[in-house]
Amino acid sequence: MISSAFNILNLGASSAQPDAAKAENLAGKEASFTKYLSDALNNLNALQQNASDSATQMVMGSDDYLHNVILAYEKADLAFKLTVEVRNKCVEAYQEIMRMQL
């Protein structure tokens, strides 16, 4: 709650910036958002790789505990479901914006 209040205050303060500074600030935010999405997808990929490796180790006999494999797969499944829901919300928001009339 407090951080959102600071964000609102920062938005009000940024309106006094020159246009070039606003564009630079916006480009930095876009880059950080892209980096955030990229990191999230890389983490999802790592979870899926970990689950696959865990299953392979179980089959080869290195890992004696089935519950470790199941936990790895459940973590990967939950992360994938969350990623799909975030994507669905982004697509829904985009479609809502596209329906707006100017």
PDB file of N, CA and C in Angstrom:
ATOM      1  N   MET A   1       0.818  -1.181   0.000  1.00  0.00           N
ATOM      2  CA  MET A   1       0.000   0.000   0.000  1.00  0.00           C
ATOM      3  C   MET A   1       0.866   1.251   0.000  1.00  0.00           C
ATOM      4  N   ILE A   2       1.898   1.227   0.844  1.00  0.00           N
ATOM      5  CA  ILE A   2       2.777   2.390   0.924  1.00  0.00           C
ATOM      6  C   ILE A   2       3.540   2.576  -0.377  1.00  0.00           C
ATOM      7  N   SER A   3       4.019   1.450  -0.943  1.00  0.00           N
ATOM      8  CA  SER A   3       4.791   1.578  -2.181  1.00  0.00           C
ATOM      9  C   SER A   3       3.928   2.101  -3.328  1.00  0.00           C
ATOM     10  N   SER A   4       2.640   1.740  -3.339  1.00  0.00           N
ATOM     11  CA  SER A   4       1.779   2.269  -4.392  1.00  0.00           C
ATOM     12  C   SER A   4       1.568   3.771  -4.219  1.00  0.00           C
ATOM     13  N   ALA A   5       1.549   4.235  -2.954  1.00  0.00           N
ATOM     14  CA  ALA A   5       1.426   5.665  -2.713  1.00  0.00           C
ATOM     15  C   ALA A   5       2.672   6.389  -3.210  1.00  0.00           C
ATOM     16  N   PHE A   6       3.843   5.794  -2.989  1.00  0.00           N
ATOM     17  CA  PHE A   6       5.075   6.393  -3.491  1.00  0.00           C
ATOM     18  C   PHE A   6       5.089   6.416  -5.013  1.00  0.00           C
ATOM     19  N   ASN A   7       4.564   5.364  -5.630  1.00  0.00           N
ATOM     20  CA  ASN A   7       4.497   5.343  -7.092  1.00  0.00           C
ATOM     21  C   ASN A   7       3.605   6.452  -7.624  1.00  0.00           C
ATOM     22  N   ILE A   8       2.506   6.702  -6.950  1.00  0.00           N
ATOM     23  CA  ILE A   8       1.607   7.781  -7.368  1.00  0.00           C
ATOM     24  C   ILE A   8       2.313   9.124  -7.224  1.00  0.00           C
ATOM     25  N   LEU A   9       3.032   9.285  -6.104  1.00  0.00           N
ATOM     26  CA  LEU A   9       3.772  10.528  -5.903  1.00  0.00           C
ATOM     27  C   LEU A   9       4.854  10.698  -6.960  1.00  0.00           C
ATOM     28  N   ASN A  10       5.527   9.609  -7.318  1.00  0.00           N
ATOM     29  CA  ASN A  10       6.569   9.676  -8.341  1.00  0.00           C
ATOM     30  C   ASN A  10       5.986  10.009  -9.703  1.00  0.00           C
ATOM     31  N   LEU A  11       4.791   9.503  -9.992  1.00  0.00           N
ATOM     32  CA  LEU A  11       4.163   9.826 -11.269  1.00  0.00           C
ATOM     33  C   LEU A  11       3.844  11.308 -11.345  1.00  0.00           C
ATOM     34  N   GLY A  12       3.392  11.877 -10.238  1.00  0.00           N
ATOM     35  CA  GLY A  12       3.113  13.304 -10.211  1.00  0.00           C
ATOM     36  C   GLY A  12       4.370  14.122 -10.364  1.00  0.00           C
ATOM     37  N   ALA A  13       5.462  13.685  -9.770  1.00  0.00           N
ATOM     38  CA  ALA A  13       6.726  14.411  -9.868  1.00  0.00           C
ATOM     39  C   ALA A  13       7.329  14.277 -11.256  1.00  0.00           C
ATOM     40  N   SER A  14       7.097  13.147 -11.908  1.00  0.00           N
ATOM     41  CA  SER A  14       7.698  12.942 -13.222  1.00  0.00           C
ATOM     42  C   SER A  14       7.022  13.794 -14.297  1.00  0.00           C
ATOM     43  N   SER A  15       5.843  14.333 -14.012  1.00  0.00           N
ATOM     44  CA  SER A  15       5.180  15.159 -15.017  1.00  0.00           C
ATOM     45  C   SER A  15       5.909  16.476 -15.232  1.00  0.00           C
ATOM     46  N   ALA A  16       6.776  16.850 -14.281  1.00  0.00           N
ATOM     47  CA  ALA A  16       7.541  18.083 -14.422  1.00  0.00           C
ATOM     48  C   ALA A  16       8.821  17.884 -15.231  1.00  0.00           C
ATOM     49  N   GLN A  17       9.139  16.632 -15.596  1.00  0.00           N
ATOM     50  CA  GLN A  17      10.354  16.350 -16.350  1.00  0.00           C
ATOM     51  C   GLN A  17      10.194  16.788 -17.801  1.00  0.00           C
ATOM     52  N   PRO A  18      11.311  17.130 -18.449  1.00  0.00           N
ATOM     53  CA  PRO A  18      11.252  17.429 -19.878  1.00  0.00           C
ATOM     54  C   PRO A  18      10.883  16.180 -20.676  1.00  0.00           C
ATOM     55  N   ASP A  19      10.450  16.391 -21.925  1.00  0.00           N
ATOM     56  CA  ASP A  19      10.008  15.279 -22.757  1.00  0.00           C
ATOM     57  C   ASP A  19      11.112  14.261 -22.995  1.00  0.00           C
ATOM     58  N   ALA A  20      12.348  14.690 -23.193  1.00  0.00           N
ATOM     59  CA  ALA A  20      13.460  13.767 -23.437  1.00  0.00           C
ATOM     60  C   ALA A  20      13.700  12.895 -22.211  1.00  0.00           C
ATOM     61  N   ALA A  21      13.616  13.476 -21.029  1.00  0.00           N
ATOM     62  CA  ALA A  21      13.818  12.706 -19.807  1.00  0.00           C
ATOM     63  C   ALA A  21      12.684  11.706 -19.614  1.00  0.00           C
ATOM     64  N   LYS A  22      11.456  12.104 -19.957  1.00  0.00           N
ATOM     65  CA  LYS A  22      10.317  11.186 -19.860  1.00  0.00           C
ATOM     66  C   LYS A  22      10.510   9.991 -20.794  1.00  0.00           C
ATOM     67  N   ALA A  23      10.949  10.252 -22.015  1.00  0.00           N
ATOM     68  CA  ALA A  23      11.159   9.173 -22.982  1.00  0.00           C
ATOM     69  C   ALA A  23      12.246   8.225 -22.507  1.00  0.00           C
ATOM     70  N   GLU A  24      13.316   8.769 -21.928  1.00  0.00           N
ATOM     71  CA  GLU A  24      14.407   7.932 -21.427  1.00  0.00           C
ATOM     72  C   GLU A  24      13.936   7.088 -20.252  1.00  0.00           C
ATOM     73  N   ASN A  25      13.156   7.692 -19.361  1.00  0.00           N
ATOM     74  CA  ASN A  25      12.621   6.978 -18.210  1.00  0.00           C
ATOM     75  C   ASN A  25      11.676   5.866 -18.657  1.00  0.00           C
ATOM     76  N   LEU A  26      10.846   6.142 -19.654  1.00  0.00           N
ATOM     77  CA  LEU A  26       9.923   5.153 -20.181  1.00  0.00           C
ATOM     78  C   LEU A  26      10.680   4.009 -20.834  1.00  0.00           C
ATOM     79  N   ALA A  27      11.737   4.307 -21.565  1.00  0.00           N
ATOM     80  CA  ALA A  27      12.535   3.259 -22.195  1.00  0.00           C
ATOM     81  C   ALA A  27      13.181   2.375 -21.144  1.00  0.00           C
ATOM     82  N   GLY A  28      13.621   2.947 -20.044  1.00  0.00           N
ATOM     83  CA  GLY A  28      14.200   2.162 -18.957  1.00  0.00           C
ATOM     84  C   GLY A  28      13.181   1.244 -18.317  1.00  0.00           C
ATOM     85  N   LYS A  29      11.953   1.733 -18.158  1.00  0.00           N
ATOM     86  CA  LYS A  29      10.895   0.902 -17.585  1.00  0.00           C
ATOM     87  C   LYS A  29      10.526  -0.230 -18.526  1.00  0.00           C
ATOM     88  N   GLU A  30      10.484   0.044 -19.831  1.00  0.00           N
ATOM     89  CA  GLU A  30      10.185  -1.010 -20.800  1.00  0.00           C
ATOM     90  C   GLU A  30      11.255  -2.081 -20.771  1.00  0.00           C
ATOM     91  N   ALA A  31      12.514  -1.657 -20.675  1.00  0.00           N
ATOM     92  CA  ALA A  31      13.610  -2.615 -20.635  1.00  0.00           C
ATOM     93  C   ALA A  31      13.539  -3.446 -19.356  1.00  0.00           C
ATOM     94  N   SER A  32      13.196  -2.829 -18.238  1.00  0.00           N
ATOM     95  CA  SER A  32      13.117  -3.584 -16.991  1.00  0.00           C
ATOM     96  C   SER A  32      11.936  -4.551 -17.022  1.00  0.00           C
ATOM     97  N   PHE A  33      10.831  -4.154 -17.639  1.00  0.00           N
ATOM     98  CA  PHE A  33       9.684  -5.057 -17.760  1.00  0.00           C
ATOM     99  C   PHE A  33      10.037  -6.241 -18.651  1.00  0.00           C
ATOM    100  N   THR A  34      10.742  -5.973 -19.748  1.00  0.00           N
ATOM    101  CA  THR A  34      11.171  -7.046 -20.644  1.00  0.00           C
ATOM    102  C   THR A  34      12.127  -7.979 -19.916  1.00  0.00           C
ATOM    103  N   LYS A  35      13.032  -7.422 -19.131  1.00  0.00           N
ATOM    104  CA  LYS A  35      13.974  -8.240 -18.367  1.00  0.00           C
ATOM    105  C   LYS A  35      13.230  -9.078 -17.338  1.00  0.00           C
ATOM    106  N   TYR A  36      12.239  -8.489 -16.690  1.00  0.00           N
ATOM    107  CA  TYR A  36      11.447  -9.222 -15.703  1.00  0.00           C
ATOM    108  C   TYR A  36      10.732 -10.409 -16.354  1.00  0.00           C
ATOM    109  N   LEU A  37      10.126 -10.185 -17.498  1.00  0.00           N
ATOM    110  CA  LEU A  37       9.444 -11.278 -18.194  1.00  0.00           C
ATOM    111  C   LEU A  37      10.420 -12.350 -18.636  1.00  0.00           C
ATOM    112  N   SER A  38      11.563 -11.932 -19.148  1.00  0.00           N
ATOM    113  CA  SER A  38      12.576 -12.876 -19.582  1.00  0.00           C
ATOM    114  C   SER A  38      13.078 -13.719 -18.410  1.00  0.00           C
ATOM    115  N   ASP A  39      13.324 -13.081 -17.271  1.00  0.00           N
ATOM    116  CA  ASP A  39      13.778 -13.812 -16.088  1.00  0.00           C
ATOM    117  C   ASP A  39      12.714 -14.801 -15.604  1.00  0.00           C
ATOM    118  N   ALA A  40      11.459 -14.386 -15.646  1.00  0.00           N
ATOM    119  CA  ALA A  40      10.371 -15.266 -15.211  1.00  0.00           C
ATOM    120  C   ALA A  40      10.269 -16.498 -16.107  1.00  0.00           C
ATOM    121  N   LEU A  41      10.395 -16.297 -17.418  1.00  0.00           N
ATOM    122  CA  LEU A  41      10.345 -17.441 -18.332  1.00  0.00           C
ATOM    123  C   LEU A  41      11.565 -18.342 -18.176  1.00  0.00           C
ATOM    124  N   ASN A  42      12.721 -17.751 -17.903  1.00  0.00           N
ATOM    125  CA  ASN A  42      13.913 -18.561 -17.657  1.00  0.00           C
ATOM    126  C   ASN A  42      13.770 -19.388 -16.382  1.00  0.00           C
ATOM    127  N   ASN A  43      13.164 -18.802 -15.347  1.00  0.00           N
ATOM    128  CA  ASN A  43      12.912 -19.549 -14.110  1.00  0.00           C
ATOM    129  C   ASN A  43      11.936 -20.689 -14.347  1.00  0.00           C
ATOM    130  N   LEU A  44      10.918 -20.458 -15.136  1.00  0.00           N
ATOM    131  CA  LEU A  44       9.967 -21.509 -15.478  1.00  0.00           C
ATOM    132  C   LEU A  44      10.667 -22.637 -16.221  1.00  0.00           C
ATOM    133  N   ASN A  45      11.505 -22.276 -17.173  1.00  0.00           N
ATOM    134  CA  ASN A  45      12.249 -23.277 -17.920  1.00  0.00           C
ATOM    135  C   ASN A  45      13.159 -24.087 -16.997  1.00  0.00           C
ATOM    136  N   ALA A  46      13.798 -23.417 -16.042  1.00  0.00           N
ATOM    137  CA  ALA A  46      14.678 -24.107 -15.096  1.00  0.00           C
ATOM    138  C   ALA A  46      13.891 -25.091 -14.230  1.00  0.00           C
ATOM    139  N   LEU A  47      12.698 -24.703 -13.808  1.00  0.00           N
ATOM    140  CA  LEU A  47      11.865 -25.615 -13.018  1.00  0.00           C
ATOM    141  C   LEU A  47      11.467 -26.842 -13.828  1.00  0.00           C
ATOM    142  N   GLN A  48      11.132 -26.632 -15.096  1.00  0.00           N
ATOM    143  CA  GLN A  48      10.753 -27.756 -15.947  1.00  0.00           C
ATOM    144  C   GLN A  48      11.950 -28.670 -16.215  1.00  0.00           C
ATOM    145  N   GLN A  49      13.134 -28.077 -16.411  1.00  0.00           N
ATOM    146  CA  GLN A  49      14.354 -28.874 -16.605  1.00  0.00           C
ATOM    147  C   GLN A  49      14.670 -29.668 -15.352  1.00  0.00           C
ATOM    148  N   ASN A  50      14.519 -29.035 -14.189  1.00  0.00           N
ATOM    149  CA  ASN A  50      14.785 -29.697 -12.924  1.00  0.00           C
ATOM    150  C   ASN A  50      13.859 -30.899 -12.738  1.00  0.00           C
ATOM    151  N   ALA A  51      12.597 -30.738 -13.082  1.00  0.00           N
ATOM    152  CA  ALA A  51      11.637 -31.842 -12.968  1.00  0.00           C
ATOM    153  C   ALA A  51      12.013 -32.980 -13.899  1.00  0.00           C
ATOM    154  N   SER A  52      12.405 -32.633 -15.107  1.00  0.00           N
ATOM    155  CA  SER A  52      12.807 -33.662 -16.070  1.00  0.00           C
ATOM    156  C   SER A  52      14.063 -34.390 -15.606  1.00  0.00           C
ATOM    157  N   ASP A  53      15.038 -33.642 -15.111  1.00  0.00           N
ATOM    158  CA  ASP A  53      16.273 -34.249 -14.611  1.00  0.00           C
ATOM    159  C   ASP A  53      16.009 -35.135 -13.402  1.00  0.00           C
ATOM    160  N   SER A  54      15.098 -34.698 -12.544  1.00  0.00           N
ATOM    161  CA  SER A  54      14.749 -35.472 -11.358  1.00  0.00           C
ATOM    162  C   SER A  54      14.119 -36.811 -11.752  1.00  0.00           C
ATOM    163  N   ALA A  55      13.263 -36.786 -12.757  1.00  0.00           N
ATOM    164  CA  ALA A  55      12.641 -38.031 -13.225  1.00  0.00           C
ATOM    165  C   ALA A  55      13.680 -38.949 -13.849  1.00  0.00           C
ATOM    166  N   THR A  56      14.603 -38.372 -14.599  1.00  0.00           N
ATOM    167  CA  THR A  56      15.664 -39.176 -15.214  1.00  0.00           C
ATOM    168  C   THR A  56      16.533 -39.820 -14.145  1.00  0.00           C
ATOM    169  N   GLN A  57      16.872 -39.062 -13.110  1.00  0.00           N
ATOM    170  CA  GLN A  57      17.676 -39.614 -12.019  1.00  0.00           C
ATOM    171  C   GLN A  57      16.925 -40.718 -11.287  1.00  0.00           C
ATOM    172  N   MET A  58      15.626 -40.570 -11.150  1.00  0.00           N
ATOM    173  CA  MET A  58      14.817 -41.600 -10.496  1.00  0.00           C
ATOM    174  C   MET A  58      14.841 -42.889 -11.296  1.00  0.00           C
ATOM    175  N   VAL A  59      14.701 -42.770 -12.599  1.00  0.00           N
ATOM    176  CA  VAL A  59      14.697 -43.956 -13.465  1.00  0.00           C
ATOM    177  C   VAL A  59      16.066 -44.630 -13.470  1.00  0.00           C
ATOM    178  N   MET A  60      17.131 -43.826 -13.445  1.00  0.00           N
ATOM    179  CA  MET A  60      18.494 -44.372 -13.470  1.00  0.00           C
ATOM    180  C   MET A  60      18.916 -44.939 -12.112  1.00  0.00           C
ATOM    181  N   GLY A  61      18.169 -44.650 -11.058  1.00  0.00           N
ATOM    182  CA  GLY A  61      18.472 -45.196  -9.757  1.00  0.00           C
ATOM    183  C   GLY A  61      19.266 -44.283  -8.853  1.00  0.00           C
ATOM    184  N   SER A  62      19.583 -43.082  -9.270  1.00  0.00           N
ATOM    185  CA  SER A  62      20.360 -42.163  -8.435  1.00  0.00           C
ATOM    186  C   SER A  62      19.516 -41.600  -7.300  1.00  0.00           C
ATOM    187  N   ASP A  63      18.269 -41.303  -7.569  1.00  0.00           N
ATOM    188  CA  ASP A  63      17.380 -40.708  -6.575  1.00  0.00           C
ATOM    189  C   ASP A  63      16.414 -41.787  -6.106  1.00  0.00           C
ATOM    190  N   ASP A  64      16.414 -42.042  -4.806  1.00  0.00           N
ATOM    191  CA  ASP A  64      15.591 -43.128  -4.276  1.00  0.00           C
ATOM    192  C   ASP A  64      14.193 -42.687  -3.854  1.00  0.00           C
ATOM    193  N   TYR A  65      13.928 -41.393  -3.886  1.00  0.00           N
ATOM    194  CA  TYR A  65      12.678 -40.900  -3.340  1.00  0.00           C
ATOM    195  C   TYR A  65      11.757 -40.384  -4.439  1.00  0.00           C
ATOM    196  N   LEU A  66      10.626 -41.065  -4.582  1.00  0.00           N
ATOM    197  CA  LEU A  66       9.635 -40.687  -5.585  1.00  0.00           C
ATOM    198  C   LEU A  66       9.024 -39.319  -5.264  1.00  0.00           C
ATOM    199  N   HIS A  67       8.881 -38.997  -3.983  1.00  0.00           N
ATOM    200  CA  HIS A  67       8.234 -37.736  -3.630  1.00  0.00           C
ATOM    201  C   HIS A  67       9.057 -36.532  -4.092  1.00  0.00           C
ATOM    202  N   ASN A  68      10.385 -36.653  -4.216  1.00  0.00           N
ATOM    203  CA  ASN A  68      11.192 -35.549  -4.757  1.00  0.00           C
ATOM    204  C   ASN A  68      10.838 -35.276  -6.215  1.00  0.00           C
ATOM    205  N   VAL A  69      10.619 -36.351  -6.957  1.00  0.00           N
ATOM    206  CA  VAL A  69      10.243 -36.204  -8.367  1.00  0.00           C
ATOM    207  C   VAL A  69       8.859 -35.573  -8.479  1.00  0.00           C
ATOM    208  N   ILE A  70       7.937 -36.043  -7.654  1.00  0.00           N
ATOM    209  CA  ILE A  70       6.577 -35.511  -7.688  1.00  0.00           C
ATOM    210  C   ILE A  70       6.569 -34.032  -7.296  1.00  0.00           C
ATOM    211  N   LEU A  71       7.343 -33.663  -6.275  1.00  0.00           N
ATOM    212  CA  LEU A  71       7.417 -32.255  -5.870  1.00  0.00           C
ATOM    213  C   LEU A  71       7.991 -31.386  -6.988  1.00  0.00           C
ATOM    214  N   ALA A  72       9.017 -31.876  -7.655  1.00  0.00           N
ATOM    215  CA  ALA A  72       9.615 -31.111  -8.754  1.00  0.00           C
ATOM    216  C   ALA A  72       8.601 -30.903  -9.874  1.00  0.00           C
ATOM    217  N   TYR A  73       7.844 -31.941 -10.210  1.00  0.00           N
ATOM    218  CA  TYR A  73       6.836 -31.809 -11.263  1.00  0.00           C
ATOM    219  C   TYR A  73       5.695 -30.888 -10.838  1.00  0.00           C
ATOM    220  N   GLU A  74       5.300 -30.934  -9.581  1.00  0.00           N
ATOM    221  CA  GLU A  74       4.222 -30.061  -9.109  1.00  0.00           C
ATOM    222  C   GLU A  74       4.657 -28.599  -9.108  1.00  0.00           C
ATOM    223  N   LYS A  75       5.916 -28.337  -8.731  1.00  0.00           N
ATOM    224  CA  LYS A  75       6.426 -26.963  -8.786  1.00  0.00           C
ATOM    225  C   LYS A  75       6.412 -26.451 -10.225  1.00  0.00           C
ATOM    226  N   ALA A  76       6.877 -27.288 -11.142  1.00  0.00           N
ATOM    227  CA  ALA A  76       6.904 -26.884 -12.550  1.00  0.00           C
ATOM    228  C   ALA A  76       5.491 -26.680 -13.082  1.00  0.00           C
ATOM    229  N   ASP A  77       4.572 -27.554 -12.697  1.00  0.00           N
ATOM    230  CA  ASP A  77       3.185 -27.443 -13.160  1.00  0.00           C
ATOM    231  C   ASP A  77       2.526 -26.178 -12.620  1.00  0.00           C
ATOM    232  N   LEU A  78       2.735 -25.880 -11.352  1.00  0.00           N
ATOM    233  CA  LEU A  78       2.150 -24.685 -10.751  1.00  0.00           C
ATOM    234  C   LEU A  78       2.721 -23.417 -11.392  1.00  0.00           C
ATOM    235  N   ALA A  79       4.032 -23.403 -11.629  1.00  0.00           N
ATOM    236  CA  ALA A  79       4.648 -22.242 -12.272  1.00  0.00           C
ATOM    237  C   ALA A  79       4.125 -22.072 -13.694  1.00  0.00           C
ATOM    238  N   PHE A  80       3.929 -23.176 -14.409  1.00  0.00           N
ATOM    239  CA  PHE A  80       3.413 -23.104 -15.768  1.00  0.00           C
ATOM    240  C   PHE A  80       1.983 -22.575 -15.779  1.00  0.00           C
ATOM    241  N   LYS A  81       1.161 -23.064 -14.851  1.00  0.00           N
ATOM    242  CA  LYS A  81      -0.227 -22.593 -14.777  1.00  0.00           C
ATOM    243  C   LYS A  81      -0.284 -21.103 -14.459  1.00  0.00           C
ATOM    244  N   LEU A  82       0.574 -20.648 -13.562  1.00  0.00           N
ATOM    245  CA  LEU A  82       0.632 -19.229 -13.236  1.00  0.00           C
ATOM    246  C   LEU A  82       1.047 -18.411 -14.453  1.00  0.00           C
ATOM    247  N   THR A  83       2.024 -18.897 -15.186  1.00  0.00           N
ATOM    248  CA  THR A  83       2.488 -18.205 -16.393  1.00  0.00           C
ATOM    249  C   THR A  83       1.377 -18.103 -17.430  1.00  0.00           C
ATOM    250  N   VAL A  84       0.630 -19.171 -17.604  1.00  0.00           N
ATOM    251  CA  VAL A  84      -0.481 -19.165 -18.560  1.00  0.00           C
ATOM    252  C   VAL A  84      -1.556 -18.169 -18.131  1.00  0.00           C
ATOM    253  N   GLU A  85      -1.855 -18.115 -16.831  1.00  0.00           N
ATOM    254  CA  GLU A  85      -2.872 -17.174 -16.359  1.00  0.00           C
ATOM    255  C   GLU A  85      -2.425 -15.722 -16.519  1.00  0.00           C
ATOM    256  N   VAL A  86      -1.147 -15.456 -16.271  1.00  0.00           N
ATOM    257  CA  VAL A  86      -0.629 -14.100 -16.477  1.00  0.00           C
ATOM    258  C   VAL A  86      -0.717 -13.734 -17.954  1.00  0.00           C
ATOM    259  N   ARG A  87      -0.365 -14.675 -18.826  1.00  0.00           N
ATOM    260  CA  ARG A  87      -0.475 -14.429 -20.267  1.00  0.00           C
ATOM    261  C   ARG A  87      -1.924 -14.153 -20.655  1.00  0.00           C
ATOM    262  N   ASN A  88      -2.848 -14.930 -20.110  1.00  0.00           N
ATOM    263  CA  ASN A  88      -4.270 -14.732 -20.415  1.00  0.00           C
ATOM    264  C   ASN A  88      -4.743 -13.344 -19.978  1.00  0.00           C
ATOM    265  N   LYS A  89      -4.292 -12.901 -18.811  1.00  0.00           N
ATOM    266  CA  LYS A  89      -4.678 -11.566 -18.339  1.00  0.00           C
ATOM    267  C   LYS A  89      -4.083 -10.477 -19.229  1.00  0.00           C
ATOM    268  N   CYS A  90      -2.854 -10.671 -19.679  1.00  0.00           N
ATOM    269  CA  CYS A  90      -2.231  -9.686 -20.575  1.00  0.00           C
ATOM    270  C   CYS A  90      -2.971  -9.618 -21.906  1.00  0.00           C
ATOM    271  N   VAL A  91      -3.346 -10.757 -22.442  1.00  0.00           N
ATOM    272  CA  VAL A  91      -4.092 -10.791 -23.705  1.00  0.00           C
ATOM    273  C   VAL A  91      -5.458 -10.157 -23.524  1.00  0.00           C
ATOM    274  N   GLU A  92      -6.095 -10.439 -22.404  1.00  0.00           N
ATOM    275  CA  GLU A  92      -7.403  -9.848 -22.114  1.00  0.00           C
ATOM    276  C   GLU A  92      -7.302  -8.322 -22.003  1.00  0.00           C
ATOM    277  N   ALA A  93      -6.269  -7.832 -21.340  1.00  0.00           N
ATOM    278  CA  ALA A  93      -6.064  -6.385 -21.219  1.00  0.00           C
ATOM    279  C   ALA A  93      -5.805  -5.762 -22.586  1.00  0.00           C
ATOM    280  N   TYR A  94      -5.005  -6.428 -23.409  1.00  0.00           N
ATOM    281  CA  TYR A  94      -4.728  -5.930 -24.762  1.00  0.00           C
ATOM    282  C   TYR A  94      -6.012  -5.858 -25.580  1.00  0.00           C
ATOM    283  N   GLN A  95      -6.843  -6.909 -25.492  1.00  0.00           N
ATOM    284  CA  GLN A  95      -8.085  -6.907 -26.250  1.00  0.00           C
ATOM    285  C   GLN A  95      -9.027  -5.808 -25.763  1.00  0.00           C
ATOM    286  N   GLU A  96      -9.031  -5.562 -24.465  1.00  0.00           N
ATOM    287  CA  GLU A  96      -9.864  -4.482 -23.921  1.00  0.00           C
ATOM    288  C   GLU A  96      -9.390  -3.124 -24.448  1.00  0.00           C
ATOM    289  N   ILE A  97      -8.089  -2.931 -24.493  1.00  0.00           N
ATOM    290  CA  ILE A  97      -7.541  -1.670 -25.028  1.00  0.00           C
ATOM    291  C   ILE A  97      -7.906  -1.522 -26.508  1.00  0.00           C
ATOM    292  N   MET A  98      -7.832  -2.605 -27.253  1.00  0.00           N
ATOM    293  CA  MET A  98      -8.136  -2.552 -28.685  1.00  0.00           C
ATOM    294  C   MET A  98      -9.619  -2.267 -28.940  1.00  0.00           C
ATOM    295  N   ARG A  99     -10.481  -2.618 -27.985  1.00  0.00           N
ATOM    296  CA  ARG A  99     -11.928  -2.351 -28.135  1.00  0.00           C
ATOM    297  C   ARG A  99     -12.277  -0.900 -27.835  1.00  0.00           C
ATOM    298  N   MET A 100     -11.368  -0.175 -27.209  1.00  0.00           N
ATOM    299  CA  MET A 100     -11.647   1.234 -26.873  1.00  0.00           C
ATOM    300  C   MET A 100     -11.737   2.066 -28.139  1.00  0.00           C
ATOM    301  N   GLN A 101     -12.707   2.970 -28.132  1.00  0.00           N
ATOM    302  CA  GLN A 101     -12.852   3.849 -29.272  1.00  0.00           C
ATOM    303  C   GLN A 101     -12.222   5.195 -28.959  1.00  0.00           C
ATOM    304  N   LEU A 102     -11.587   5.753 -29.939  1.00  0.00           N
ATOM    305  CA  LEU A 102     -10.929   7.054 -29.744  1.00  0.00           C
ATOM    306  C   LEU A 102     -11.843   8.190 -30.104  1.00  0.00           C
TER     307      LEU A 102
END
